Protein backbone atom coordinates (compact mmCIF):
# COMPACT_ATOMS: atom_id res chain seq x y z
CA MET A 1 -6.77 3.64 -0.70
CA ALA A 2 -5.12 0.08 0.66
CA TYR A 3 -3.26 -1.94 -2.07
CA ILE A 4 -0.77 -4.79 -1.42
CA LYS A 5 2.74 -4.82 -1.94
CA HIS A 6 4.88 -8.09 -1.39
CA THR A 7 8.13 -7.92 0.19
CA SER A 8 10.87 -8.83 -2.38
CA THR A 9 12.74 -11.30 -0.24
CA LEU A 10 9.65 -13.21 0.76
CA ALA A 11 7.91 -13.10 -2.76
CA ARG A 12 6.95 -16.77 -1.73
CA GLN A 13 5.00 -15.63 1.00
CA PRO A 14 1.65 -13.75 0.96
CA LEU A 15 2.06 -10.53 3.12
CA ALA A 16 0.30 -7.67 4.58
CA LEU A 17 -1.31 -5.27 2.28
CA PHE A 18 -0.36 -1.78 3.59
CA GLY A 19 -1.71 1.68 1.90
CA LEU A 20 -0.90 5.05 2.25
CA CYS A 21 -2.85 8.39 1.53
CA LEU A 22 -0.85 10.72 3.27
CA SER A 23 -2.64 13.55 2.02
CA VAL A 24 -4.46 17.01 3.29
CA THR A 25 -5.63 17.37 0.19
CA ALA A 26 -6.78 13.18 0.07
CA ASN A 27 -4.64 12.79 -2.60
CA ALA A 28 -4.28 8.98 -3.66
CA SER A 29 -0.96 6.70 -2.96
CA LEU A 30 0.19 3.04 -4.10
CA LEU A 31 2.39 2.89 -0.99
CA ASP A 32 2.23 1.24 2.20
CA LEU A 33 -0.30 2.73 5.24
CA ASP A 34 -3.92 3.62 4.40
CA ASP A 35 -5.24 7.25 5.30
CA PRO A 36 -8.45 6.95 7.15
CA GLY A 37 -10.16 9.62 4.75
CA ILE A 38 -12.44 8.84 1.96
CA ALA A 39 -11.78 9.25 -1.99
CA GLU A 40 -13.82 12.65 -3.01
CA ARG A 41 -13.44 11.53 -6.35
CA CYS A 42 -12.61 8.12 -8.65
CA GLU A 43 -9.06 7.98 -9.11
CA LEU A 44 -6.66 5.70 -11.40
CA GLN A 45 -3.30 4.63 -9.92
CA LEU A 46 -0.52 2.97 -12.03
CA GLY A 47 2.46 2.41 -10.47
CA TRP A 48 6.17 0.76 -10.81
CA GLN A 49 8.59 -0.60 -8.08
CA GLN A 50 12.27 -1.08 -8.75
CA PRO A 51 14.72 -2.72 -6.04
CA ARG A 52 18.38 -2.31 -6.58
CA SER A 53 19.19 -6.08 -6.65
CA ASP A 54 18.68 -8.43 -9.19
CA HIS A 55 17.56 -11.11 -6.66
CA SER A 56 13.98 -8.76 -5.93
CA ALA A 57 10.67 -8.61 -7.42
CA THR A 58 10.23 -5.77 -10.17
CA THR A 59 6.13 -4.94 -9.31
CA LEU A 60 3.77 -3.56 -11.64
CA LYS A 61 0.30 -2.43 -10.33
CA THR A 62 -2.90 -0.62 -10.95
CA ALA A 63 -5.36 0.37 -8.57
CA ALA A 64 -9.23 1.92 -9.43
CA THR A 65 -10.92 3.78 -6.39
CA CYS A 66 -14.68 5.58 -6.03
CA ASN A 67 -16.74 7.04 -3.72
CA GLN A 68 -19.94 5.71 -3.01
CA GLY A 69 -21.52 8.33 -0.56
CA GLN A 70 -20.02 7.97 2.96
CA TRP A 71 -17.41 4.63 1.93
CA GLU A 72 -15.02 3.93 -1.00
CA TRP A 73 -14.56 0.59 -2.45
CA HIS A 74 -11.22 -0.03 -4.79
CA LEU A 75 -10.13 -3.19 -7.36
CA GLY A 76 -6.67 -3.37 -7.91
CA PHE A 77 -4.30 -5.83 -9.74
CA GLU A 78 -0.21 -6.15 -9.05
CA HIS A 79 2.08 -7.88 -11.22
CA GLN A 80 5.92 -9.20 -9.87
CA HIS A 81 8.57 -10.31 -11.93
CA LEU A 82 10.27 -12.73 -9.84
CA GLY A 83 14.47 -12.05 -9.52
CA VAL A 84 16.80 -14.89 -9.99
CA GLU A 85 17.35 -15.61 -6.05
CA ASN A 86 13.35 -15.78 -5.73
CA GLN A 87 13.02 -17.69 -8.80
CA LEU A 88 15.51 -20.18 -7.38
CA LEU A 89 13.47 -20.49 -4.04
CA ALA A 90 10.29 -21.15 -6.41
CA PHE A 91 12.14 -23.80 -7.84
CA GLU A 92 13.37 -25.41 -4.49
CA SER A 93 9.83 -25.16 -2.83
CA GLN A 94 8.15 -27.16 -6.24
CA THR A 95 4.97 -24.48 -5.36
CA ASN A 96 5.71 -22.46 -8.35
CA SER A 97 8.30 -22.13 -10.73
CA SER A 98 6.96 -19.37 -12.43
CA ASN A 99 9.17 -15.83 -13.16
CA ASN A 100 5.64 -13.70 -12.56
CA GLU A 101 3.05 -13.71 -10.18
CA GLN A 102 0.05 -11.49 -9.91
CA GLN A 103 -2.37 -11.08 -7.41
CA THR A 104 -6.15 -9.02 -7.48
CA GLU A 105 -7.57 -7.03 -4.59
CA LEU A 106 -11.02 -6.03 -3.54
CA GLY A 107 -11.61 -3.63 -0.96
CA ILE A 108 -13.69 -1.33 1.27
CA LYS A 109 -13.09 1.42 3.51
CA LEU A 110 -15.98 2.48 6.04
CA PRO A 111 -15.68 5.78 8.17
CA LEU A 112 -15.48 5.71 11.83
CA HIS A 113 -15.69 9.28 13.14
CA ALA A 114 -15.22 11.84 10.92
CA ASP A 115 -15.98 15.23 12.22
CA THR A 116 -14.59 18.36 11.77
CA GLY A 117 -12.34 17.81 14.57
CA PRO A 118 -8.53 16.89 14.49
CA TRP A 119 -9.21 12.95 14.85
CA GLN A 120 -10.62 10.97 11.88
CA SER A 121 -10.64 7.14 11.59
CA ALA A 122 -12.13 4.36 9.49
CA LEU A 123 -12.34 0.23 8.55
CA ALA A 124 -11.11 -1.66 5.85
CA ILE A 125 -11.44 -4.72 4.77
CA ASN A 126 -9.68 -6.51 1.67
CA LEU A 127 -9.90 -9.93 -0.01
CA GLN A 128 -7.16 -10.86 -1.88
CA HIS A 129 -6.68 -13.56 -5.20
CA HIS A 130 -3.24 -14.69 -5.20
CA HIS A 131 -3.22 -16.33 -8.58
CA GLN A 132 -0.30 -18.84 -8.49
CA ASP A 133 -1.05 -19.68 -4.79
CA ASN A 134 -2.84 -23.58 -3.42
CA HIS A 135 -4.62 -21.17 -1.32
CA PRO A 136 -5.23 -18.40 -3.36
CA ILE A 137 -7.97 -16.23 -1.32
CA ALA A 138 -6.54 -14.16 1.72
CA ALA A 139 -8.38 -11.33 3.79
CA GLU A 140 -7.32 -8.44 6.07
CA VAL A 141 -8.65 -5.80 8.42
CA LEU A 142 -7.53 -2.77 9.32
CA GLY A 143 -8.47 -0.11 11.63
CA ILE A 144 -7.14 3.53 10.67
CA MET A 145 -6.71 6.67 12.74
CA GLY A 146 -5.30 9.87 11.98
CA TYR A 147 -5.01 13.17 13.24
CA GLN A 148 -4.28 16.68 12.12
CA MET A 149 -1.27 17.76 14.53
CA ALA A 150 -1.00 21.13 12.45
CA ARG A 151 -2.52 23.00 9.31
CA ASP A 152 -0.06 21.04 7.40
CA LEU A 153 1.07 18.41 9.31
CA ARG A 154 -1.04 15.21 9.60
CA LEU A 155 -0.19 11.77 11.76
CA TYR A 156 -1.37 8.19 10.45
CA SER A 157 -1.54 5.19 11.91
CA ASN A 158 -2.76 1.29 10.85
CA LEU A 159 -3.46 -1.83 12.84
CA GLY A 160 -5.00 -4.96 12.11
CA PHE A 161 -4.06 -8.49 10.70
CA TYR A 162 -3.94 -10.35 7.57
CA GLN A 163 -4.92 -14.24 7.23
CA HIS A 164 -3.98 -16.23 4.72
CA ALA A 165 -5.12 -20.21 4.75
CA ALA A 166 -4.25 -21.80 7.83
CA GLN A 167 -1.20 -19.58 8.73
CA SER A 168 -1.54 -17.61 11.50
CA PRO A 169 -2.71 -14.55 11.21
CA GLN A 170 -0.20 -11.85 10.80
CA LEU A 171 0.24 -8.55 12.57
CA ILE A 172 -0.13 -4.81 10.88
CA ALA A 173 0.91 -2.03 12.05
CA GLY A 174 2.75 0.90 11.19
CA VAL A 175 3.03 4.88 11.40
CA ALA A 176 3.22 7.84 9.21
CA ILE A 177 3.62 11.51 9.44
CA ALA A 178 3.19 14.07 6.05
CA LEU A 179 3.95 17.55 6.03
CA ALA A 180 2.05 19.58 2.55
CA PRO A 181 3.93 23.00 2.39
CA SER A 182 1.71 23.79 0.26
CA GLU A 183 -1.98 22.69 -1.73
CA ASP A 184 -0.09 21.26 -4.78
CA GLN A 185 3.29 19.31 -3.21
CA GLN A 186 3.71 16.48 0.07
CA TRP A 187 6.26 15.12 1.84
CA PHE A 188 5.95 12.19 3.84
CA GLY A 189 7.37 9.23 5.71
CA GLU A 190 6.81 5.95 7.22
CA ILE A 191 7.87 2.87 9.44
CA TYR A 192 5.78 -0.34 9.11
CA ARG A 193 5.65 -3.63 10.10
CA LYS A 194 4.54 -6.76 7.13
CA ALA A 195 6.05 -9.58 9.18
CA SER A 196 7.61 -10.59 12.75
CA GLU A 197 11.06 -10.65 10.10
CA ALA A 198 9.96 -7.46 7.87
CA HIS A 199 10.12 -3.97 9.40
CA ALA A 200 10.75 -1.09 6.79
CA TYR A 201 10.54 2.88 5.99
CA ARG A 202 9.46 4.50 2.99
CA LEU A 203 9.98 8.44 2.21
CA ALA A 204 8.52 9.87 -1.03
CA TYR A 205 6.93 13.02 -2.59
CA GLN A 206 4.00 13.62 -4.01
CA TRP A 207 3.26 16.88 -6.33
CA LEU A 208 -0.39 17.32 -8.00
CA LEU A 209 -1.06 18.76 -11.54
CA LYS A 210 -3.81 20.73 -11.88
CA ARG A 211 -5.77 18.51 -9.57
CA ARG A 212 -5.73 15.97 -12.48
CA PHE A 213 -3.28 14.11 -12.17
CA GLN A 214 -0.51 13.25 -9.00
CA LEU A 215 3.07 12.79 -9.41
CA GLU A 216 4.79 10.09 -6.97
CA PHE A 217 8.23 9.24 -6.18
CA SER A 218 9.33 7.08 -3.10
CA LEU A 219 12.83 5.62 -1.71
CA GLY A 220 12.55 2.49 1.05
CA ASN A 221 14.57 0.00 2.49
CA ASP A 222 14.28 -2.54 5.49
CA LEU A 223 15.10 -1.59 8.84
CA MET A 224 18.33 -3.74 8.25
CA GLY A 225 18.97 -1.73 5.12
CA SER A 226 19.03 -5.00 3.05
CA ALA A 227 16.39 -4.50 0.28
CA GLN A 228 16.56 -0.70 -1.46
CA GLN A 229 13.44 0.01 -3.77
CA PHE A 230 12.59 2.96 -5.55
CA GLY A 231 9.20 3.51 -6.65
CA ALA A 232 6.87 5.91 -9.02
CA ASP A 233 3.36 6.36 -9.50
CA ILE A 234 0.58 8.36 -11.54
CA THR A 235 -2.39 8.84 -10.17
CA PHE A 236 -5.23 10.09 -12.67
CA PHE A 237 -8.98 11.91 -11.14
CA PHE A 238 -12.00 12.00 -12.35
CA LYS A 239 -15.38 13.67 -11.48
């Protein structure tokens, strides 16, 4: 499932959404690259992200995902509380002096190639509503590719674009690798491009408990090392 997350230093500019569901067992995630797999059941995801600086945005997010036969849909909501620096940027731009930002996303994912071979692909289409924006509607289209390198090792890539109002389309690109040493644990890493000036990486650990819910902990940073963030997510699975 894909879900949006702004970079803290660019909170005034809507950026590309990237989600990551890195799992051999189709576990869910609220991270940044999207897995081509379709959700096997309904999921409720809750996430928190805390930057290690007072000028960044603390983020709370939630999303619901369900399988509709051969495709899936998701509905997500994100709330950001801006730090001191981003509040000053908002005031200086005179576009929005609020300490908070919210956005909602509605998206679908359609499988393109899902046979029993090592390759898998999908197409994701997402519409986003930025509640405080003068041009609130944005859209993204993602091509998603996955490859099963070994029994416990998978590779993912995302390529697409993000379009907001009259701005030039933003390129979405990223690659991720997932290692699953057991059925209930998984490690993964990703490198992704959010905008021409925003490139980042993330490392994460997932722990599936009794196949009823999943915990996820992550650490990410800009490639230049100036926007370190911790994250924690919990996902509930329903039949």
